[in-house]
C-alpha cells in the first residue's frame, strides 16, 4: 500500500511539473524545485537509456518523461493486480 501511495505521489508531482510552467515562473519557484527533486530520480534512468538507444533525439517533447510516466503507471497497475490493496 505504501508503494502504491508513493507511486501516486510521483505521478501527481509529474503532472504538476507539466502544468506548472503554464502559470508560474518556474525558474524562481521553490515548489518546482521540490517537485523536480521528487521526479528526476525516476526520469534520469529512462533519459540515459533512451539517449544510448538514440530514441527521441530532436523531438519537441521529452520522451524520457513520457516513458517514465507510463512505466510508473504500469507498475502501479501491476502492483494493484497482483497484490490486493
N, C-alpha and C. Protein backbone atom coordinates (compact mmCIF):
# COMPACT_ATOMS: atom_id res chain seq x y z
N UNK A 1 0.82 -1.19 0.00
CA UNK A 1 0.00 0.00 0.00
C UNK A 1 0.87 1.26 0.00
N UNK A 2 1.98 1.20 0.72
CA UNK A 2 2.89 2.35 0.78
C UNK A 2 3.53 2.60 -0.58
N UNK A 3 3.87 1.52 -1.28
CA UNK A 3 4.49 1.67 -2.60
C UNK A 3 3.49 2.29 -3.58
N UNK A 4 2.25 1.84 -3.54
CA UNK A 4 1.23 2.40 -4.44
C UNK A 4 1.02 3.88 -4.14
N UNK A 5 0.99 4.24 -2.87
CA UNK A 5 0.83 5.64 -2.50
C UNK A 5 2.03 6.47 -2.96
N UNK A 6 3.22 5.92 -2.82
CA UNK A 6 4.43 6.62 -3.28
C UNK A 6 4.41 6.84 -4.78
N UNK A 7 3.97 5.83 -5.52
CA UNK A 7 3.88 5.97 -6.97
C UNK A 7 2.83 6.99 -7.36
N UNK A 8 1.73 7.06 -6.60
CA UNK A 8 0.73 8.10 -6.85
C UNK A 8 1.31 9.49 -6.63
N UNK A 9 2.08 9.65 -5.58
CA UNK A 9 2.70 10.95 -5.29
C UNK A 9 3.63 11.35 -6.43
N UNK A 10 4.40 10.40 -6.93
CA UNK A 10 5.33 10.70 -8.03
C UNK A 10 4.57 11.09 -9.29
N UNK A 11 3.49 10.37 -9.61
CA UNK A 11 2.75 10.71 -10.82
C UNK A 11 2.06 12.06 -10.69
N UNK A 12 1.54 12.38 -9.51
CA UNK A 12 0.94 13.71 -9.32
C UNK A 12 2.00 14.80 -9.40
N UNK A 13 3.17 14.53 -8.88
CA UNK A 13 4.27 15.50 -8.98
C UNK A 13 4.65 15.71 -10.44
N UNK A 14 4.64 14.63 -11.22
CA UNK A 14 4.95 14.76 -12.64
C UNK A 14 3.90 15.61 -13.35
N UNK A 15 2.64 15.39 -13.03
CA UNK A 15 1.58 16.19 -13.65
C UNK A 15 1.70 17.66 -13.28
N UNK A 16 2.01 17.95 -12.01
CA UNK A 16 2.20 19.34 -11.59
C UNK A 16 3.39 19.96 -12.32
N UNK A 17 4.45 19.17 -12.54
CA UNK A 17 5.61 19.70 -13.25
C UNK A 17 5.27 20.07 -14.68
N UNK A 18 4.36 19.35 -15.30
CA UNK A 18 3.96 19.64 -16.68
C UNK A 18 3.09 20.88 -16.73
N UNK A 19 2.16 21.00 -15.79
CA UNK A 19 1.19 22.09 -15.82
C UNK A 19 1.76 23.39 -15.26
N UNK A 20 2.62 23.31 -14.28
CA UNK A 20 3.10 24.49 -13.57
C UNK A 20 3.76 25.56 -14.45
N UNK A 21 4.57 25.21 -15.44
CA UNK A 21 5.18 26.26 -16.26
C UNK A 21 4.19 27.12 -17.05
N UNK A 22 2.98 26.63 -17.20
CA UNK A 22 1.97 27.42 -17.91
C UNK A 22 1.48 28.61 -17.08
N UNK A 23 1.60 28.52 -15.76
CA UNK A 23 1.04 29.53 -14.88
C UNK A 23 2.05 30.27 -14.03
N UNK A 24 3.22 29.69 -13.80
CA UNK A 24 4.19 30.23 -12.85
C UNK A 24 5.57 30.30 -13.50
N UNK A 25 6.36 31.28 -13.08
CA UNK A 25 7.75 31.35 -13.49
C UNK A 25 8.52 30.28 -12.70
N UNK A 26 8.83 29.17 -13.35
CA UNK A 26 9.41 28.03 -12.63
C UNK A 26 10.88 28.25 -12.28
N UNK A 27 11.54 29.20 -12.93
CA UNK A 27 12.95 29.44 -12.64
C UNK A 27 13.15 29.91 -11.21
N UNK A 28 12.19 30.65 -10.67
CA UNK A 28 12.33 31.20 -9.32
C UNK A 28 11.40 30.50 -8.32
N UNK A 29 10.86 29.35 -8.67
CA UNK A 29 9.90 28.67 -7.83
C UNK A 29 10.57 27.58 -7.00
N UNK A 30 10.43 27.69 -5.69
CA UNK A 30 10.96 26.66 -4.81
C UNK A 30 10.16 25.38 -4.87
N UNK A 31 8.83 25.53 -5.06
CA UNK A 31 7.96 24.36 -5.16
C UNK A 31 8.32 23.52 -6.39
N UNK A 32 8.65 24.18 -7.49
CA UNK A 32 9.06 23.45 -8.69
C UNK A 32 10.37 22.69 -8.44
N UNK A 33 11.24 23.27 -7.65
CA UNK A 33 12.49 22.59 -7.29
C UNK A 33 12.22 21.34 -6.46
N UNK A 34 11.25 21.42 -5.56
CA UNK A 34 10.88 20.25 -4.76
C UNK A 34 10.29 19.17 -5.66
N UNK A 35 9.40 19.56 -6.57
CA UNK A 35 8.82 18.60 -7.50
C UNK A 35 9.89 17.96 -8.37
N UNK A 36 10.83 18.76 -8.79
CA UNK A 36 11.93 18.24 -9.61
C UNK A 36 12.76 17.23 -8.82
N UNK A 37 12.98 17.51 -7.55
CA UNK A 37 13.73 16.58 -6.71
C UNK A 37 13.01 15.26 -6.51
N UNK A 38 11.69 15.29 -6.53
CA UNK A 38 10.90 14.06 -6.39
C UNK A 38 10.89 13.26 -7.69
N UNK A 39 10.77 13.96 -8.81
CA UNK A 39 10.52 13.31 -10.10
C UNK A 39 11.81 12.89 -10.82
N UNK A 40 12.83 13.69 -10.76
CA UNK A 40 14.04 13.44 -11.55
C UNK A 40 14.67 12.06 -11.32
N UNK A 41 14.71 11.53 -10.09
CA UNK A 41 15.30 10.18 -9.94
C UNK A 41 14.56 9.10 -10.73
N UNK A 42 13.30 9.33 -11.06
CA UNK A 42 12.55 8.36 -11.85
C UNK A 42 12.74 8.58 -13.34
N UNK A 43 13.08 9.81 -13.74
CA UNK A 43 13.23 10.13 -15.16
C UNK A 43 14.64 9.86 -15.67
N UNK A 44 15.63 10.09 -14.85
CA UNK A 44 17.03 10.00 -15.28
C UNK A 44 17.40 8.64 -15.87
N UNK A 45 17.00 7.51 -15.28
CA UNK A 45 17.35 6.22 -15.92
C UNK A 45 16.77 6.07 -17.32
N UNK A 46 15.54 6.53 -17.51
CA UNK A 46 14.93 6.46 -18.84
C UNK A 46 15.63 7.41 -19.81
N UNK A 47 16.01 8.58 -19.34
CA UNK A 47 16.72 9.54 -20.17
C UNK A 47 18.05 8.93 -20.64
N UNK A 48 18.75 8.26 -19.73
CA UNK A 48 20.03 7.63 -20.06
C UNK A 48 19.85 6.52 -21.09
N UNK A 49 18.85 5.64 -20.86
CA UNK A 49 18.61 4.52 -21.77
C UNK A 49 18.20 5.02 -23.15
N UNK A 50 17.27 5.98 -23.20
CA UNK A 50 16.80 6.48 -24.49
C UNK A 50 17.91 7.24 -25.23
N UNK A 51 18.79 7.90 -24.48
CA UNK A 51 19.92 8.58 -25.11
C UNK A 51 20.87 7.56 -25.73
N UNK A 52 21.15 6.48 -25.00
CA UNK A 52 22.05 5.45 -25.52
C UNK A 52 21.47 4.75 -26.75
N UNK A 53 20.14 4.60 -26.78
CA UNK A 53 19.48 3.98 -27.92
C UNK A 53 19.16 4.98 -29.03
N UNK A 54 19.47 6.26 -28.80
CA UNK A 54 19.23 7.33 -29.76
C UNK A 54 17.74 7.42 -30.13
N UNK A 55 16.90 7.35 -29.11
CA UNK A 55 15.45 7.44 -29.30
C UNK A 55 14.97 8.78 -28.76
N UNK A 56 14.20 9.49 -29.55
CA UNK A 56 13.60 10.73 -29.11
C UNK A 56 14.49 11.94 -29.25
N UNK A 57 15.63 11.81 -29.88
CA UNK A 57 16.52 12.94 -30.08
C UNK A 57 15.90 13.87 -31.12
N UNK A 58 15.80 15.13 -30.78
CA UNK A 58 15.28 16.12 -31.71
C UNK A 58 13.76 16.26 -31.71
N UNK A 59 13.08 15.53 -30.85
CA UNK A 59 11.63 15.69 -30.76
C UNK A 59 11.29 16.85 -29.83
N UNK A 60 10.17 17.49 -30.06
CA UNK A 60 9.81 18.65 -29.22
C UNK A 60 9.29 18.27 -27.83
N UNK A 61 9.09 16.98 -27.57
CA UNK A 61 8.65 16.56 -26.24
C UNK A 61 9.75 15.72 -25.59
N UNK A 62 9.71 15.66 -24.26
CA UNK A 62 10.68 14.87 -23.52
C UNK A 62 10.17 13.43 -23.46
N UNK A 63 10.71 12.59 -24.32
CA UNK A 63 10.26 11.21 -24.42
C UNK A 63 10.57 10.44 -23.13
N UNK A 64 11.67 10.76 -22.49
CA UNK A 64 12.01 10.07 -21.25
C UNK A 64 10.99 10.38 -20.15
N UNK A 65 10.48 11.59 -20.11
CA UNK A 65 9.45 11.96 -19.14
C UNK A 65 8.20 11.14 -19.40
N UNK A 66 7.78 11.09 -20.65
CA UNK A 66 6.58 10.34 -21.03
C UNK A 66 6.77 8.84 -20.76
N UNK A 67 7.92 8.31 -21.10
CA UNK A 67 8.20 6.89 -20.88
C UNK A 67 8.19 6.54 -19.40
N UNK A 68 8.80 7.39 -18.58
CA UNK A 68 8.82 7.10 -17.15
C UNK A 68 7.41 7.21 -16.56
N UNK A 69 6.61 8.16 -17.02
CA UNK A 69 5.23 8.30 -16.54
C UNK A 69 4.43 7.04 -16.86
N UNK A 70 4.56 6.54 -18.08
CA UNK A 70 3.86 5.33 -18.48
C UNK A 70 4.35 4.14 -17.67
N UNK A 71 5.66 4.02 -17.49
CA UNK A 71 6.23 2.90 -16.74
C UNK A 71 5.76 2.91 -15.28
N UNK A 72 5.73 4.07 -14.67
CA UNK A 72 5.28 4.17 -13.28
C UNK A 72 3.82 3.77 -13.16
N UNK A 73 2.98 4.22 -14.10
CA UNK A 73 1.57 3.84 -14.06
C UNK A 73 1.37 2.36 -14.33
N UNK A 74 2.13 1.78 -15.24
CA UNK A 74 2.02 0.34 -15.48
C UNK A 74 2.48 -0.45 -14.26
N UNK A 75 3.52 0.01 -13.61
CA UNK A 75 4.00 -0.64 -12.39
C UNK A 75 2.93 -0.59 -11.31
N UNK A 76 2.29 0.54 -11.17
CA UNK A 76 1.23 0.68 -10.17
C UNK A 76 0.06 -0.22 -10.49
N UNK A 77 -0.32 -0.32 -11.76
CA UNK A 77 -1.42 -1.20 -12.15
C UNK A 77 -1.06 -2.66 -11.90
N UNK A 78 0.16 -3.05 -12.21
CA UNK A 78 0.60 -4.44 -11.96
C UNK A 78 0.62 -4.73 -10.47
N UNK A 79 1.05 -3.77 -9.69
CA UNK A 79 1.08 -3.95 -8.25
C UNK A 79 -0.33 -4.13 -7.69
N UNK A 80 -1.27 -3.35 -8.18
CA UNK A 80 -2.65 -3.48 -7.72
C UNK A 80 -3.28 -4.78 -8.21
N UNK A 81 -2.81 -5.29 -9.34
CA UNK A 81 -3.34 -6.54 -9.88
C UNK A 81 -2.87 -7.74 -9.07
N UNK A 82 -1.59 -7.76 -8.73
CA UNK A 82 -1.00 -8.92 -8.07
C UNK A 82 -1.03 -8.86 -6.55
N UNK A 83 -1.11 -7.66 -6.00
CA UNK A 83 -1.15 -7.50 -4.54
C UNK A 83 -2.43 -6.78 -4.18
N UNK A 84 -3.39 -7.50 -3.63
CA UNK A 84 -4.65 -6.82 -3.27
C UNK A 84 -4.44 -5.77 -2.20
N UNK A 85 -4.97 -4.59 -2.47
CA UNK A 85 -4.80 -3.48 -1.53
C UNK A 85 -6.07 -3.29 -0.72
